């Protein structure tokens, strides 16, 4: 199964999702979207497949969203998409795509919904929070 992760290496949630994927035995395609940027068709396709609106995919914290006036409820989806293309950091991360679907994986354990196989437990995030217990069951996150 091919897995694509739109990844921000500075984000612990994105790093945890990527590590979960790799620890499960997959070799994902890693898209460093802060470097590559986004296209409108790409964002529209990802959001549609994930069942997200641009507003739901907008990164509000630690981004220029407030300074750009994007948090106002009357900002259109088109304006949000324009801003996301101009400022890739505005897209919440990580977004993971595979044959089982597309998902905004926040929290990072949400990526488990897309994986056919999981890493052996126990498995913990960078901060030590257990995501998979010793019996292989999903916990927390």
N, C-alpha and C. Protein backbone atom coordinates (compact mmCIF):
# COMPACT_ATOMS: atom_id res chain seq x y z
N UNK A 1 0.85 -1.18 0.00
CA UNK A 1 0.00 0.00 0.00
C UNK A 1 0.90 1.24 0.00
N UNK A 2 0.63 2.14 -0.93
CA UNK A 2 1.35 3.40 -0.98
C UNK A 2 0.69 4.40 -0.04
N UNK A 3 1.50 5.03 0.78
CA UNK A 3 1.03 6.05 1.71
C UNK A 3 1.77 7.33 1.42
N UNK A 4 1.03 8.43 1.36
CA UNK A 4 1.62 9.75 1.16
C UNK A 4 1.30 10.57 2.39
N UNK A 5 2.32 11.18 2.98
CA UNK A 5 2.12 12.05 4.12
C UNK A 5 2.63 13.44 3.77
N UNK A 6 1.74 14.42 3.92
CA UNK A 6 2.11 15.82 3.74
C UNK A 6 2.61 16.26 5.11
N UNK A 7 3.92 16.44 5.19
CA UNK A 7 4.65 16.45 6.45
C UNK A 7 5.34 17.78 6.72
N UNK A 8 5.28 18.17 7.99
CA UNK A 8 6.05 19.32 8.48
C UNK A 8 6.99 18.77 9.55
N UNK A 9 8.29 18.70 9.26
CA UNK A 9 9.22 18.10 10.22
C UNK A 9 9.37 18.89 11.52
N UNK A 10 8.90 20.12 11.54
CA UNK A 10 8.98 20.92 12.76
C UNK A 10 7.80 20.67 13.70
N UNK A 11 6.86 19.86 13.28
CA UNK A 11 5.64 19.60 14.04
C UNK A 11 5.71 18.22 14.69
N UNK A 12 5.57 18.16 16.00
CA UNK A 12 5.65 16.86 16.68
C UNK A 12 4.49 15.95 16.29
N UNK A 13 3.31 16.48 16.02
CA UNK A 13 2.20 15.64 15.59
C UNK A 13 2.52 14.99 14.25
N UNK A 14 3.10 15.77 13.35
CA UNK A 14 3.47 15.24 12.04
C UNK A 14 4.60 14.21 12.18
N UNK A 15 5.57 14.50 13.02
CA UNK A 15 6.67 13.54 13.24
C UNK A 15 6.15 12.24 13.83
N UNK A 16 5.22 12.34 14.79
CA UNK A 16 4.66 11.13 15.41
C UNK A 16 3.87 10.31 14.39
N UNK A 17 3.08 10.96 13.54
CA UNK A 17 2.33 10.23 12.52
C UNK A 17 3.28 9.53 11.55
N UNK A 18 4.31 10.23 11.13
CA UNK A 18 5.29 9.64 10.22
C UNK A 18 5.98 8.44 10.87
N UNK A 19 6.34 8.57 12.12
CA UNK A 19 7.00 7.46 12.81
C UNK A 19 6.05 6.28 12.99
N UNK A 20 4.78 6.54 13.27
CA UNK A 20 3.80 5.46 13.36
C UNK A 20 3.72 4.69 12.04
N UNK A 21 3.67 5.43 10.94
CA UNK A 21 3.60 4.81 9.62
C UNK A 21 4.83 3.94 9.38
N UNK A 22 6.00 4.51 9.62
CA UNK A 22 7.24 3.77 9.38
C UNK A 22 7.38 2.58 10.32
N UNK A 23 7.04 2.76 11.59
CA UNK A 23 7.14 1.67 12.54
C UNK A 23 6.16 0.54 12.23
N UNK A 24 5.11 0.85 11.48
CA UNK A 24 4.17 -0.18 11.05
C UNK A 24 4.69 -0.96 9.84
N UNK A 25 5.85 -0.53 9.32
CA UNK A 25 6.46 -1.26 8.22
C UNK A 25 6.27 -0.65 6.85
N UNK A 26 5.71 0.54 6.80
CA UNK A 26 5.48 1.20 5.51
C UNK A 26 6.63 2.16 5.20
N UNK A 27 6.85 2.38 3.92
CA UNK A 27 7.84 3.35 3.46
C UNK A 27 7.07 4.45 2.72
N UNK A 28 6.58 5.44 3.47
CA UNK A 28 5.70 6.44 2.86
C UNK A 28 6.44 7.41 1.95
N UNK A 29 5.67 8.00 1.05
CA UNK A 29 6.13 9.13 0.27
C UNK A 29 5.93 10.34 1.17
N UNK A 30 7.02 11.04 1.46
CA UNK A 30 6.96 12.19 2.36
C UNK A 30 7.00 13.46 1.52
N UNK A 31 5.95 14.25 1.63
CA UNK A 31 5.87 15.51 0.89
C UNK A 31 6.12 16.65 1.86
N UNK A 32 7.27 17.32 1.74
CA UNK A 32 7.57 18.45 2.62
C UNK A 32 6.84 19.70 2.11
N UNK A 33 5.55 19.79 2.43
CA UNK A 33 4.69 20.79 1.79
C UNK A 33 5.10 22.24 2.07
N UNK A 34 5.85 22.48 3.13
CA UNK A 34 6.32 23.84 3.36
C UNK A 34 7.34 24.25 2.29
N UNK A 35 8.04 23.25 1.73
CA UNK A 35 9.01 23.51 0.67
C UNK A 35 8.36 23.45 -0.71
N UNK A 36 7.50 22.47 -0.92
CA UNK A 36 6.92 22.26 -2.25
C UNK A 36 5.72 23.16 -2.51
N UNK A 37 5.05 23.58 -1.44
CA UNK A 37 3.85 24.38 -1.59
C UNK A 37 2.66 23.53 -2.00
N UNK A 38 1.55 24.20 -2.28
CA UNK A 38 0.31 23.55 -2.65
C UNK A 38 -0.20 24.14 -3.96
N UNK A 39 -1.01 23.37 -4.66
CA UNK A 39 -1.77 23.90 -5.78
C UNK A 39 -3.24 23.87 -5.37
N UNK A 40 -4.04 24.70 -6.01
CA UNK A 40 -5.47 24.71 -5.70
C UNK A 40 -6.10 23.33 -5.97
N UNK A 41 -5.86 22.72 -7.14
CA UNK A 41 -6.47 21.39 -7.36
C UNK A 41 -6.02 20.35 -6.33
N UNK A 42 -4.77 20.43 -5.92
CA UNK A 42 -4.26 19.49 -4.92
C UNK A 42 -5.01 19.66 -3.60
N UNK A 43 -5.13 20.90 -3.13
CA UNK A 43 -5.83 21.14 -1.87
C UNK A 43 -7.30 20.76 -1.99
N UNK A 44 -7.93 21.12 -3.09
CA UNK A 44 -9.34 20.79 -3.25
C UNK A 44 -9.55 19.28 -3.25
N UNK A 45 -8.68 18.55 -3.91
CA UNK A 45 -8.81 17.09 -3.95
C UNK A 45 -8.58 16.47 -2.57
N UNK A 46 -7.54 16.92 -1.89
CA UNK A 46 -7.26 16.38 -0.55
C UNK A 46 -8.41 16.68 0.42
N UNK A 47 -8.88 17.93 0.41
CA UNK A 47 -9.96 18.31 1.32
C UNK A 47 -11.24 17.53 1.01
N UNK A 48 -11.56 17.39 -0.28
CA UNK A 48 -12.77 16.66 -0.66
C UNK A 48 -12.66 15.20 -0.21
N UNK A 49 -11.52 14.58 -0.46
CA UNK A 49 -11.33 13.17 -0.09
C UNK A 49 -11.38 12.97 1.43
N UNK A 50 -10.91 13.97 2.17
CA UNK A 50 -10.90 13.87 3.64
C UNK A 50 -12.21 14.37 4.26
N UNK A 51 -13.10 14.93 3.44
CA UNK A 51 -14.35 15.45 3.97
C UNK A 51 -14.16 16.72 4.76
N UNK A 52 -13.18 17.53 4.35
CA UNK A 52 -12.86 18.77 5.06
C UNK A 52 -13.21 19.98 4.21
N UNK A 53 -13.56 21.05 4.87
CA UNK A 53 -13.67 22.33 4.20
C UNK A 53 -12.34 23.05 4.40
N UNK A 54 -12.06 24.05 3.58
CA UNK A 54 -10.84 24.83 3.82
C UNK A 54 -10.80 25.41 5.24
N UNK A 55 -11.93 25.82 5.77
CA UNK A 55 -11.98 26.36 7.14
C UNK A 55 -11.55 25.30 8.13
N UNK A 56 -12.01 24.05 7.97
CA UNK A 56 -11.64 22.97 8.89
C UNK A 56 -10.16 22.61 8.78
N UNK A 57 -9.58 22.84 7.62
CA UNK A 57 -8.17 22.51 7.39
C UNK A 57 -7.24 23.68 7.68
N UNK A 58 -7.79 24.80 8.09
CA UNK A 58 -6.98 26.00 8.36
C UNK A 58 -6.24 25.86 9.68
N UNK A 59 -4.95 26.05 9.62
CA UNK A 59 -4.14 26.05 10.84
C UNK A 59 -4.25 27.43 11.46
N UNK A 60 -4.86 27.50 12.61
CA UNK A 60 -5.10 28.78 13.27
C UNK A 60 -3.99 29.18 14.23
N UNK A 61 -3.44 28.21 14.92
CA UNK A 61 -2.39 28.50 15.91
C UNK A 61 -1.01 28.42 15.25
N UNK A 62 -0.12 29.28 15.70
CA UNK A 62 1.26 29.30 15.19
C UNK A 62 1.30 29.40 13.66
N UNK A 63 0.44 30.26 13.14
CA UNK A 63 0.41 30.54 11.71
C UNK A 63 0.00 32.00 11.54
N UNK A 64 0.12 32.53 10.35
CA UNK A 64 -0.28 33.92 10.13
C UNK A 64 -1.79 34.09 9.92
N UNK A 65 -2.60 33.11 10.24
CA UNK A 65 -4.04 33.19 9.98
C UNK A 65 -4.69 34.42 10.59
N UNK A 66 -4.41 34.69 11.84
CA UNK A 66 -5.03 35.85 12.51
C UNK A 66 -4.56 37.16 11.87
N UNK A 67 -3.24 37.27 11.65
CA UNK A 67 -2.70 38.51 11.06
C UNK A 67 -3.26 38.76 9.66
N UNK A 68 -3.58 37.70 8.95
CA UNK A 68 -4.12 37.83 7.59
C UNK A 68 -5.64 38.03 7.59
N UNK A 69 -6.25 38.03 8.77
CA UNK A 69 -7.69 38.23 8.87
C UNK A 69 -8.51 37.01 8.46
N UNK A 70 -7.89 35.84 8.48
CA UNK A 70 -8.56 34.64 8.00
C UNK A 70 -9.47 33.97 9.03
N UNK A 71 -9.42 34.43 10.27
CA UNK A 71 -10.22 33.80 11.31
C UNK A 71 -11.64 34.35 11.36
N UNK A 72 -11.90 35.41 10.62
CA UNK A 72 -13.24 35.99 10.58
C UNK A 72 -14.18 35.01 9.88
N UNK A 73 -15.39 34.85 10.41
CA UNK A 73 -16.31 33.84 9.85
C UNK A 73 -16.77 34.14 8.43
N UNK A 74 -16.65 35.38 7.98
CA UNK A 74 -17.13 35.71 6.63
C UNK A 74 -16.08 35.52 5.54
N UNK A 75 -14.89 35.02 5.90
CA UNK A 75 -13.85 34.76 4.90
C UNK A 75 -14.27 33.54 4.07
N UNK A 76 -14.29 33.68 2.77
CA UNK A 76 -14.76 32.61 1.89
C UNK A 76 -13.75 31.47 1.77
N UNK A 77 -14.25 30.32 1.34
CA UNK A 77 -13.38 29.18 1.07
C UNK A 77 -12.36 29.53 -0.01
N UNK A 78 -12.77 30.29 -1.00
CA UNK A 78 -11.86 30.69 -2.07
C UNK A 78 -10.72 31.54 -1.52
N UNK A 79 -11.04 32.46 -0.63
CA UNK A 79 -10.00 33.30 -0.03
C UNK A 79 -9.07 32.47 0.84
N UNK A 80 -9.63 31.49 1.55
CA UNK A 80 -8.79 30.61 2.37
C UNK A 80 -7.85 29.79 1.49
N UNK A 81 -8.36 29.25 0.40
CA UNK A 81 -7.51 28.49 -0.52
C UNK A 81 -6.41 29.37 -1.10
N UNK A 82 -6.76 30.59 -1.50
CA UNK A 82 -5.75 31.52 -2.01
C UNK A 82 -4.63 31.74 -0.99
N UNK A 83 -5.04 31.95 0.27
CA UNK A 83 -4.06 32.20 1.34
C UNK A 83 -3.21 30.95 1.59
N UNK A 84 -3.82 29.78 1.54
CA UNK A 84 -3.09 28.53 1.78
C UNK A 84 -2.05 28.28 0.69
N UNK A 85 -2.37 28.68 -0.52
CA UNK A 85 -1.41 28.54 -1.62
C UNK A 85 -0.25 29.51 -1.43
N UNK A 86 -0.57 30.71 -0.99
CA UNK A 86 0.47 31.72 -0.77
C UNK A 86 1.30 31.43 0.49
N UNK A 87 0.65 30.86 1.50
CA UNK A 87 1.31 30.57 2.79
C UNK A 87 1.03 29.11 3.16
N UNK A 88 1.84 28.17 2.68
CA UNK A 88 1.58 26.74 2.92
C UNK A 88 1.42 26.37 4.40
N UNK A 89 2.00 27.14 5.31
CA UNK A 89 1.91 26.85 6.75
C UNK A 89 0.47 26.94 7.24
N UNK A 90 -0.41 27.56 6.46
CA UNK A 90 -1.80 27.72 6.87
C UNK A 90 -2.60 26.42 6.82
N UNK A 91 -2.06 25.39 6.19
CA UNK A 91 -2.76 24.11 6.11
C UNK A 91 -2.38 23.27 7.33
N UNK A 92 -3.40 22.84 8.06
CA UNK A 92 -3.17 21.99 9.23
C UNK A 92 -2.53 20.69 8.77
N UNK A 93 -1.74 20.08 9.62
CA UNK A 93 -0.96 18.91 9.25
C UNK A 93 -0.97 17.88 10.35
N UNK A 94 -0.57 16.66 10.02
CA UNK A 94 -0.26 16.11 8.70
C UNK A 94 -1.51 15.60 8.01
N UNK A 95 -1.50 15.66 6.71
CA UNK A 95 -2.56 15.04 5.91
C UNK A 95 -1.95 13.78 5.31
N UNK A 96 -2.63 12.65 5.52
CA UNK A 96 -2.15 11.36 5.05
C UNK A 96 -3.14 10.79 4.05
N UNK A 97 -2.62 10.29 2.94
CA UNK A 97 -3.46 9.72 1.88
C UNK A 97 -2.95 8.32 1.53
N UNK A 98 -3.89 7.40 1.35
CA UNK A 98 -3.56 6.04 0.91
C UNK A 98 -4.83 5.42 0.34
N UNK A 99 -4.75 4.17 -0.05
CA UNK A 99 -5.91 3.50 -0.64
C UNK A 99 -7.08 3.38 0.32
N UNK A 100 -6.81 3.51 1.60
CA UNK A 100 -7.88 3.40 2.61
C UNK A 100 -8.52 4.74 2.94
N UNK A 101 -8.03 5.81 2.30
CA UNK A 101 -8.65 7.11 2.52
C UNK A 101 -7.65 8.23 2.69
N UNK A 102 -8.18 9.40 2.97
CA UNK A 102 -7.39 10.59 3.22
C UNK A 102 -7.87 11.17 4.54
N UNK A 103 -6.91 11.58 5.38
CA UNK A 103 -7.29 12.02 6.71
C UNK A 103 -6.32 13.08 7.21
N UNK A 104 -6.87 14.09 7.87
CA UNK A 104 -6.05 15.02 8.64
C UNK A 104 -5.76 14.31 9.95
N UNK A 105 -4.53 13.96 10.18
CA UNK A 105 -4.17 13.08 11.31
C UNK A 105 -3.75 13.89 12.53
N UNK A 106 -4.71 14.56 13.10
CA UNK A 106 -4.58 15.27 14.36
C UNK A 106 -5.67 14.73 15.26
N UNK A 107 -5.34 14.11 16.32
CA UNK A 107 -4.02 13.77 16.82
C UNK A 107 -3.33 12.71 15.96
N UNK A 108 -2.06 12.53 16.21
CA UNK A 108 -1.26 11.65 15.35
C UNK A 108 -1.76 10.21 15.32
N UNK A 109 -2.37 9.74 16.39
CA UNK A 109 -2.89 8.38 16.43
C UNK A 109 -4.01 8.15 15.43
N UNK A 110 -4.59 9.22 14.89
CA UNK A 110 -5.66 9.08 13.90
C UNK A 110 -5.16 8.37 12.65
N UNK A 111 -3.84 8.39 12.42
CA UNK A 111 -3.29 7.70 11.24
C UNK A 111 -3.55 6.20 11.32
N UNK A 112 -3.75 5.67 12.51
CA UNK A 112 -4.00 4.24 12.65
C UNK A 112 -5.27 3.81 11.91
N UNK A 113 -6.23 4.74 11.75
CA UNK A 113 -7.45 4.43 11.02
C UNK A 113 -7.17 4.08 9.56
N UNK A 114 -6.04 4.54 9.04
CA UNK A 114 -5.70 4.31 7.64
C UNK A 114 -4.78 3.12 7.41
N UNK A 115 -4.19 2.60 8.46
CA UNK A 115 -3.17 1.55 8.31
C UNK A 115 -3.78 0.16 8.43
N UNK A 116 -3.40 -0.71 7.49
CA UNK A 116 -3.84 -2.11 7.56
C UNK A 116 -3.12 -2.85 8.67
N UNK A 117 -1.86 -2.48 8.90
CA UNK A 117 -1.10 -3.09 10.00
C UNK A 117 -0.56 -1.97 10.87
N UNK A 118 -0.44 -2.26 12.15
CA UNK A 118 0.04 -1.28 13.13
C UNK A 118 1.40 -1.70 13.64
N UNK A 119 2.13 -0.76 14.22
CA UNK A 119 3.39 -1.14 14.87
C UNK A 119 3.09 -2.01 16.09
N UNK A 120 4.08 -2.79 16.47
CA UNK A 120 3.94 -3.59 17.69
C UNK A 120 3.86 -2.66 18.89
N UNK A 121 3.07 -3.05 19.86
CA UNK A 121 2.96 -2.25 21.08
C UNK A 121 3.89 -2.77 22.15
N UNK A 122 4.19 -2.00 23.13
CA UNK A 122 3.67 -0.65 23.29
C UNK A 122 4.36 0.34 22.35
N UNK A 123 3.60 1.36 21.97
CA UNK A 123 4.12 2.41 21.10
C UNK A 123 3.72 3.74 21.71
N UNK A 124 4.72 4.62 21.87
CA UNK A 124 4.47 5.92 22.50
C UNK A 124 4.92 7.06 21.60
N UNK A 125 4.23 8.19 21.74
CA UNK A 125 4.61 9.40 21.02
C UNK A 125 5.90 9.97 21.62
N UNK A 126 6.43 10.99 20.97
CA UNK A 126 7.66 11.64 21.45
C UNK A 126 7.57 12.04 22.91
N UNK A 127 6.38 12.48 23.34
CA UNK A 127 6.23 12.95 24.72
C UNK A 127 5.99 11.82 25.72
N UNK A 128 6.00 10.57 25.23
CA UNK A 128 5.83 9.42 26.11
C UNK A 128 4.40 8.92 26.21
N UNK A 129 3.44 9.65 25.66
CA UNK A 129 2.05 9.21 25.72
C UNK A 129 1.86 7.94 24.90
N UNK A 130 1.29 6.92 25.55
CA UNK A 130 1.06 5.63 24.90
C UNK A 130 -0.09 5.75 23.90
N UNK A 131 0.13 5.26 22.69
CA UNK A 131 -0.89 5.24 21.64
C UNK A 131 -1.35 3.79 21.39
N UNK A 132 -0.42 2.86 21.49
CA UNK A 132 -0.73 1.43 21.36
C UNK A 132 -0.15 0.73 22.59
N UNK A 133 -1.00 -0.01 23.31
CA UNK A 133 -0.50 -0.66 24.52
C UNK A 133 0.24 -1.95 24.19
N UNK A 134 0.75 -2.60 25.22
CA UNK A 134 1.54 -3.82 25.04
C UNK A 134 0.79 -4.96 24.41
N UNK A 135 -0.56 -4.91 24.45
CA UNK A 135 -1.37 -5.95 23.83
C UNK A 135 -1.77 -5.60 22.41
N UNK A 136 -1.28 -4.45 21.91
CA UNK A 136 -1.60 -4.04 20.55
C UNK A 136 -2.89 -3.28 20.39
N UNK A 137 -3.45 -2.82 21.51
CA UNK A 137 -4.71 -2.08 21.48
C UNK A 137 -4.45 -0.57 21.45
N UNK A 138 -5.27 0.13 20.71
CA UNK A 138 -5.18 1.58 20.63
C UNK A 138 -5.69 2.19 21.93
N UNK A 139 -4.93 3.14 22.47
CA UNK A 139 -5.32 3.84 23.70
C UNK A 139 -5.02 5.32 23.55
N UNK A 140 -5.65 6.12 24.39
CA UNK A 140 -5.33 7.55 24.39
C UNK A 140 -5.49 8.19 23.04
N UNK A 141 -4.71 9.26 22.84
CA UNK A 141 -4.62 10.01 21.59
C UNK A 141 -6.01 10.23 21.03
